Amino acid sequence: MPPGTLLGNYKLLKALGQGGFGITYIAWDNQLRRNIVLKECFPLGLCSRDSDTGEIIPLPHASMQVYRTAMDSLRREAQTLASLNHESIVRVYDVFESHGSIFYVMPWLEGGSLRERMDEAAKGASTMTTEQAAEWLLLLLDGLDYLHGRGIYHRDIKPGNILFDERELPVLIDFGAALNKPEAAYTITQREFSYAYASPEQITGKGAIGPWTDFYALAATWYELISGISVEPADRRLMRDDVAPLSGMKFPLLWTRELLASIDRNLRLRPEERCQTAGQWKEWLQQGKPRGLRKTGASGKSVSSAVTVAVIILALAGVWLW
């Protein structure tokens, strides 16, 4: 819709972006005298807009019922966010219908996105310290710990869905693909995800969705932040995995060994080989390797060998004592 359009108390200033299922705008709240963000239900391929009235019109092949289903999906997204209260998760102020569509209201986060900061750093236009990046990761893990504790998985973590507030702290946005564990069926938007950051279980549809799914996307984001290299899509990695471990690379900045190793671990293709809780990842960052992780590969074999040797030594000692 054009700038200047009035939607109740809100005056549109400009469109910020459009995805497959919605349009976001920055708007002015005439009541509270502040900038806010509006997200509108506008699924591409299902509807168009009347150029004179701004009303939503379902396309000929899509019934009004299909569009109402999309609106219900956005309403559930707003309701999910409104039920959450964590500083690392975007808040929802209001939800309303107008011009045949549905909108919800969020705060305007002035610090821009992680995507923008990564692009600026790549051009040498800004600096990003290792301490900042580690702090942001811990704050986002706190938010995911809160989210997962309520049985909700974001399923679309990527640099563009991490914004910064006025305190320069990261905030997760865009819960259109979020999955609420108790729900029996996907909503229309939950089938969508960002291919470049999606885990193997999301892309293939095989395997359970859980905290480990969000950790893969977060690890892919931090891998790119640190190395400047995008992780190859997970389905290609299943055929041939060419992703080089961060822990084997050299960087101009001094990243901690624990941070690099934890990112490598959470980029594992098998869900059970990643951290299973945010607490495990945080423990790894703070103390090295977390307790409770399943051991695989060479490390698992070395542990098994050590146990075998210990048993043999004890047996020999018993014989000697006898």
Protein backbone atom coordinates (compact mmCIF):
# COMPACT_ATOMS: atom_id res chain seq x y z
CA MET A 1 0.00 0.00 0.00
CA PRO A 2 1.27 3.54 -0.71
CA PRO A 3 2.85 5.80 1.93
CA GLY A 4 0.27 7.93 3.70
CA THR A 5 -2.37 5.19 3.86
CA LEU A 6 -4.26 5.29 7.16
CA LEU A 7 -5.03 2.03 8.95
CA GLY A 8 -6.86 3.04 12.10
CA ASN A 9 -4.33 4.83 14.31
CA TYR A 10 -1.44 3.95 12.03
CA LYS A 11 -0.11 5.91 9.05
CA LEU A 12 2.09 4.00 6.63
CA LEU A 13 5.48 5.59 5.99
CA LYS A 14 7.06 3.06 3.62
CA ALA A 15 7.29 -0.65 2.84
CA LEU A 16 10.30 -2.36 4.41
CA GLY A 17 10.17 -5.65 2.54
CA GLN A 18 8.06 -8.45 1.15
CA GLY A 19 8.35 -12.19 1.60
CA GLY A 20 6.35 -15.11 0.33
CA PHE A 21 3.54 -14.62 2.81
CA GLY A 22 3.58 -11.02 3.94
CA ILE A 23 4.63 -7.39 3.60
CA THR A 24 6.22 -5.35 6.39
CA TYR A 25 5.87 -1.57 6.69
CA ILE A 26 7.21 1.10 8.95
CA ALA A 27 4.32 3.24 10.18
CA TRP A 28 3.58 6.10 12.56
CA ASP A 29 1.38 5.45 15.58
CA ASN A 30 -0.78 8.60 15.83
CA GLN A 31 -2.04 7.56 19.27
CA LEU A 32 1.29 6.90 21.02
CA ARG A 33 3.43 9.13 18.77
CA ARG A 34 6.09 6.62 17.81
CA ASN A 35 7.30 4.55 14.87
CA ILE A 36 6.09 0.96 14.71
CA VAL A 37 6.29 -1.95 12.26
CA LEU A 38 3.23 -3.51 10.63
CA LYS A 39 3.22 -6.99 9.14
CA GLU A 40 0.44 -7.65 6.63
CA CYS A 41 -0.85 -10.98 5.36
CA PHE A 42 -0.17 -10.96 1.62
CA PRO A 43 0.66 -14.47 0.33
CA LEU A 44 2.14 -14.26 -3.15
CA GLY A 45 0.22 -16.30 -5.68
CA LEU A 46 -2.99 -16.19 -3.67
CA CYS A 47 -4.09 -12.56 -3.88
CA SER A 48 -3.69 -9.13 -5.45
CA ARG A 49 -4.68 -5.62 -4.38
CA ASP A 50 -7.27 -3.29 -5.88
CA SER A 51 -5.29 -0.27 -7.08
CA ASP A 52 -8.11 2.16 -6.17
CA THR A 53 -9.31 0.93 -2.78
CA GLY A 54 -6.30 -1.05 -1.56
CA GLU A 55 -8.60 -4.00 -0.78
CA ILE A 56 -7.27 -7.54 -1.03
CA ILE A 57 -8.65 -9.58 -3.94
CA PRO A 58 -8.10 -13.36 -4.09
CA LEU A 59 -6.73 -14.48 -7.46
CA PRO A 60 -9.09 -16.50 -9.71
CA HIS A 61 -7.52 -19.85 -8.84
CA ALA A 62 -7.58 -19.14 -5.09
CA SER A 63 -10.83 -19.08 -3.11
CA MET A 64 -11.56 -16.62 -0.32
CA GLN A 65 -11.42 -19.57 2.06
CA VAL A 66 -7.79 -20.26 1.11
CA TYR A 67 -6.93 -16.62 1.77
CA ARG A 68 -8.79 -16.71 5.10
CA THR A 69 -6.63 -19.70 6.02
CA ALA A 70 -3.53 -17.59 5.34
CA MET A 71 -4.98 -14.80 7.51
CA ASP A 72 -5.60 -17.29 10.31
CA SER A 73 -1.94 -18.37 10.06
CA LEU A 74 -0.77 -14.78 10.55
CA ARG A 75 -3.19 -14.34 13.44
CA ARG A 76 -1.75 -17.43 15.14
CA GLU A 77 1.75 -16.07 14.56
CA ALA A 78 0.74 -12.82 16.30
CA GLN A 79 -0.92 -14.72 19.14
CA THR A 80 2.18 -16.88 19.61
CA LEU A 81 4.41 -13.80 19.85
CA ALA A 82 1.97 -11.99 22.15
CA SER A 83 2.19 -14.90 24.59
CA LEU A 84 5.98 -14.58 24.85
CA ASN A 85 7.91 -12.23 27.09
CA HIS A 86 11.65 -12.25 26.50
CA GLU A 87 13.97 -9.41 25.52
CA SER A 88 15.50 -11.47 22.70
CA ILE A 89 12.12 -12.17 21.07
CA VAL A 90 10.16 -9.46 19.25
CA ARG A 91 6.96 -8.30 20.95
CA VAL A 92 3.48 -7.84 19.47
CA TYR A 93 1.41 -4.81 20.50
CA ASP A 94 -1.80 -5.33 18.52
CA VAL A 95 -3.51 -7.30 15.75
CA PHE A 96 -6.35 -5.98 13.55
CA GLU A 97 -8.11 -6.40 10.20
CA SER A 98 -8.30 -3.69 7.54
CA HIS A 99 -8.67 -3.49 3.73
CA GLY A 100 -9.64 -7.15 3.63
CA SER A 101 -6.33 -8.17 5.22
CA ILE A 102 -4.91 -8.75 8.68
CA PHE A 103 -2.02 -6.85 10.28
CA TYR A 104 -0.08 -7.09 13.50
CA VAL A 105 1.93 -4.38 15.22
CA MET A 106 5.52 -4.71 16.44
CA PRO A 107 8.12 -2.27 17.80
CA TRP A 108 10.43 -0.47 15.40
CA LEU A 109 13.94 -1.83 16.10
CA GLU A 110 16.36 0.93 15.18
CA GLY A 111 19.63 -1.00 15.18
CA GLY A 112 19.20 -2.70 11.82
CA SER A 113 19.75 -6.38 11.07
CA LEU A 114 22.65 -8.74 11.56
CA ARG A 115 22.66 -9.16 7.77
CA GLU A 116 23.38 -5.45 7.35
CA ARG A 117 26.16 -5.58 9.94
CA MET A 118 27.76 -8.59 8.31
CA ASP A 119 27.66 -6.87 4.90
CA GLU A 120 29.21 -3.71 6.35
CA ALA A 121 31.95 -5.71 8.06
CA ALA A 122 32.71 -7.53 4.78
CA LYS A 123 33.23 -4.16 3.09
CA GLY A 124 35.40 -2.88 5.93
CA ALA A 125 32.82 -0.20 6.70
CA SER A 126 32.39 -1.27 10.31
CA THR A 127 34.10 -3.36 12.95
CA MET A 128 32.59 -6.23 14.86
CA THR A 129 34.53 -7.54 17.85
CA THR A 130 34.76 -11.18 18.85
CA GLU A 131 33.41 -10.24 22.27
CA GLN A 132 30.28 -8.68 20.73
CA ALA A 133 29.63 -11.68 18.50
CA ALA A 134 30.02 -14.10 21.45
CA GLU A 135 27.71 -11.98 23.62
CA TRP A 136 25.06 -11.82 20.87
CA LEU A 137 25.17 -15.59 20.50
CA LEU A 138 24.67 -16.15 24.23
CA LEU A 139 21.74 -13.71 24.31
CA LEU A 140 20.06 -15.46 21.38
CA LEU A 141 20.61 -18.82 23.07
CA ASP A 142 18.87 -17.41 26.15
CA GLY A 143 15.93 -16.46 23.93
CA LEU A 144 15.85 -19.88 22.28
CA ASP A 145 16.03 -21.57 25.68
CA TYR A 146 12.92 -19.60 26.67
CA LEU A 147 11.21 -20.38 23.35
CA HIS A 148 12.02 -24.09 23.32
CA GLY A 149 10.89 -24.40 26.93
CA ARG A 150 7.41 -23.51 25.65
CA GLY A 151 7.57 -26.09 22.89
CA ILE A 152 8.05 -23.51 20.11
CA TYR A 153 10.72 -23.73 17.41
CA HIS A 154 11.54 -20.72 15.24
CA ARG A 155 12.58 -22.71 12.12
CA ASP A 156 13.75 -19.66 10.15
CA ILE A 157 16.79 -18.22 11.92
CA LYS A 158 19.05 -16.29 9.54
CA PRO A 159 20.98 -12.97 9.58
CA GLY A 160 18.00 -11.01 8.23
CA ASN A 161 15.74 -12.27 11.03
CA ILE A 162 18.02 -10.98 13.80
CA LEU A 163 17.55 -7.27 14.49
CA PHE A 164 19.09 -4.99 17.10
CA ASP A 165 17.19 -2.81 19.54
CA GLU A 166 18.13 0.63 20.86
CA ARG A 167 20.46 -1.02 23.40
CA GLU A 168 22.35 -2.80 20.58
CA LEU A 169 21.02 -6.19 21.76
CA PRO A 170 19.86 -8.87 19.27
CA VAL A 171 16.17 -9.70 18.86
CA LEU A 172 14.66 -12.60 16.91
CA ILE A 173 11.87 -11.62 14.49
CA ASP A 174 9.64 -13.27 11.86
CA PHE A 175 7.90 -16.24 13.46
CA GLY A 176 5.88 -17.07 10.36
CA ALA A 177 7.52 -20.50 10.10
CA ALA A 178 7.48 -21.17 13.85
CA LEU A 179 6.22 -24.57 14.92
CA ASN A 180 4.34 -25.09 18.16
CA LYS A 181 5.06 -28.65 19.24
CA PRO A 182 1.60 -29.49 20.63
CA GLU A 183 -0.10 -28.56 17.35
CA ALA A 184 -1.05 -31.55 15.20
CA ALA A 185 -0.78 -29.89 11.80
CA TYR A 186 1.37 -27.28 10.07
CA THR A 187 -0.13 -23.92 9.24
CA ILE A 188 0.20 -22.57 5.71
CA THR A 189 3.37 -20.59 6.53
CA GLN A 190 5.07 -23.28 8.63
CA ARG A 191 5.97 -25.17 5.46
CA GLU A 192 8.27 -22.29 4.49
CA PHE A 193 11.90 -21.80 5.54
CA SER A 194 15.10 -20.19 4.28
CA TYR A 195 16.83 -22.86 2.20
CA ALA A 196 20.37 -21.54 2.73
CA TYR A 197 20.12 -21.87 6.54
CA ALA A 198 17.70 -24.79 6.88
CA SER A 199 18.71 -28.05 8.54
CA PRO A 200 18.64 -31.41 6.72
CA GLU A 201 15.49 -32.47 8.57
CA GLN A 202 13.67 -29.36 7.35
CA ILE A 203 14.73 -29.69 3.71
CA THR A 204 14.19 -33.43 3.39
CA GLY A 205 11.16 -33.65 5.68
CA LYS A 206 12.78 -36.64 7.37
CA GLY A 207 13.53 -36.51 11.08
CA ALA A 208 12.00 -34.73 14.03
CA ILE A 209 12.00 -30.95 14.35
CA GLY A 210 13.38 -29.76 17.68
CA PRO A 211 15.83 -27.36 19.34
CA TRP A 212 18.62 -28.89 17.23
CA THR A 213 16.84 -27.55 14.13
CA ASP A 214 17.17 -23.95 15.33
CA PHE A 215 20.75 -24.60 16.44
CA TYR A 216 21.74 -25.68 12.92
CA ALA A 217 20.41 -22.40 11.46
CA LEU A 218 22.06 -20.34 14.22
CA ALA A 219 25.37 -22.17 13.67
CA ALA A 220 25.12 -21.57 9.90
CA THR A 221 24.55 -17.87 10.61
CA TRP A 222 27.57 -17.61 12.94
CA TYR A 223 29.73 -19.66 10.56
CA GLU A 224 29.05 -17.02 7.90
CA LEU A 225 29.55 -14.17 10.37
CA ILE A 226 32.99 -15.47 11.39
CA SER A 227 34.34 -16.81 8.09
CA GLY A 228 32.49 -14.69 5.54
CA ILE A 229 31.61 -17.98 3.79
CA SER A 230 28.04 -19.23 3.42
CA VAL A 231 27.43 -22.81 4.51
CA GLU A 232 26.51 -25.03 1.58
CA PRO A 233 22.80 -26.01 1.68
CA ALA A 234 22.20 -29.07 3.82
CA ASP A 235 20.75 -31.31 1.11
CA ARG A 236 23.90 -30.87 -0.96
CA ARG A 237 26.03 -31.62 2.07
CA LEU A 238 24.20 -34.94 2.42
CA MET A 239 25.65 -35.96 -0.94
CA ARG A 240 29.12 -34.53 -0.34
CA ASP A 241 30.08 -32.47 2.68
CA ASP A 242 32.67 -29.85 1.74
CA VAL A 243 32.10 -27.49 4.68
CA ALA A 244 35.49 -26.79 6.26
CA PRO A 245 35.46 -26.74 10.09
CA LEU A 246 35.96 -23.32 11.62
CA SER A 247 38.26 -24.83 14.22
CA GLY A 248 40.75 -25.64 11.45
CA MET A 249 40.79 -22.15 9.90
CA LYS A 250 42.99 -19.15 10.67
CA PHE A 251 41.38 -15.75 11.23
CA PRO A 252 42.71 -12.21 11.68
CA LEU A 253 40.51 -11.91 14.79
CA LEU A 254 41.09 -14.07 17.86
CA TRP A 255 38.02 -16.30 18.19
CA THR A 256 37.90 -18.67 21.16
CA ARG A 257 38.44 -22.35 20.49
CA GLU A 258 35.23 -23.16 22.38
CA LEU A 259 33.13 -20.89 20.17
CA LEU A 260 34.51 -22.31 16.91
CA ALA A 261 34.17 -25.91 18.09
CA SER A 262 30.57 -25.37 19.23
CA ILE A 263 29.58 -23.96 15.84
CA ASP A 264 31.21 -26.89 14.05
CA ARG A 265 29.31 -29.30 16.30
CA ASN A 266 25.94 -27.68 15.66
CA LEU A 267 26.49 -27.84 11.90
CA ARG A 268 26.56 -31.64 12.06
CA LEU A 269 24.12 -33.18 9.59
CA ARG A 270 22.70 -35.69 12.06
CA PRO A 271 20.37 -33.98 14.58
CA GLU A 272 21.47 -36.20 17.47
CA GLU A 273 25.07 -35.03 17.02
CA ARG A 274 24.15 -31.38 17.64
CA CYS A 275 23.42 -29.83 21.02
CA GLN A 276 20.01 -30.91 22.24
CA THR A 277 19.33 -27.89 24.45
CA ALA A 278 20.43 -24.25 24.53
CA GLY A 279 21.93 -25.00 27.93
CA GLN A 280 24.31 -27.52 26.35
CA TRP A 281 25.52 -24.97 23.81
CA LYS A 282 25.99 -22.30 26.49
CA GLU A 283 27.89 -24.77 28.66
CA TRP A 284 30.19 -25.50 25.72
CA LEU A 285 30.87 -21.80 25.21
CA GLN A 286 31.63 -21.24 28.87
CA GLN A 287 33.43 -24.44 29.87
CA GLY A 288 34.51 -26.23 26.72
CA LYS A 289 32.56 -29.39 25.95
CA PRO A 290 29.12 -29.85 27.55
CA ARG A 291 28.06 -32.91 29.50
CA GLY A 292 25.45 -35.20 28.03
CA LEU A 293 26.48 -34.97 24.35
CA ARG A 294 26.55 -38.22 22.47
CA LYS A 295 30.07 -39.14 21.42
CA THR A 296 30.59 -40.11 17.79
CA GLY A 297 33.40 -40.93 15.40
CA ALA A 298 36.98 -41.01 16.58
CA SER A 299 36.24 -39.45 19.95
CA GLY A 300 33.65 -42.14 20.70
CA LYS A 301 36.11 -44.86 19.72
CA SER A 302 38.85 -43.39 21.92
CA VAL A 303 36.49 -43.32 24.92
CA SER A 304 35.50 -46.94 24.27
CA SER A 305 39.17 -47.96 24.01
CA ALA A 306 40.01 -46.18 27.24
CA VAL A 307 37.23 -48.02 29.07
CA THR A 308 38.41 -51.37 27.68
CA VAL A 309 42.00 -50.72 28.80
CA ALA A 310 40.81 -49.71 32.27
CA VAL A 311 38.79 -52.92 32.63
CA ILE A 312 41.81 -55.04 31.59
CA ILE A 313 44.07 -53.26 34.11
CA LEU A 314 41.55 -53.79 36.92
CA ALA A 315 41.22 -57.47 36.02
CA LEU A 316 45.00 -57.96 36.05
CA ALA A 317 45.23 -56.15 39.38
CA GLY A 318 42.60 -58.46 40.81
CA VAL A 319 44.48 -61.54 39.67
CA TRP A 320 47.73 -60.20 41.19
CA LEU A 321 46.06 -59.47 44.52
CA TRP A 322 44.48 -62.94 44.57
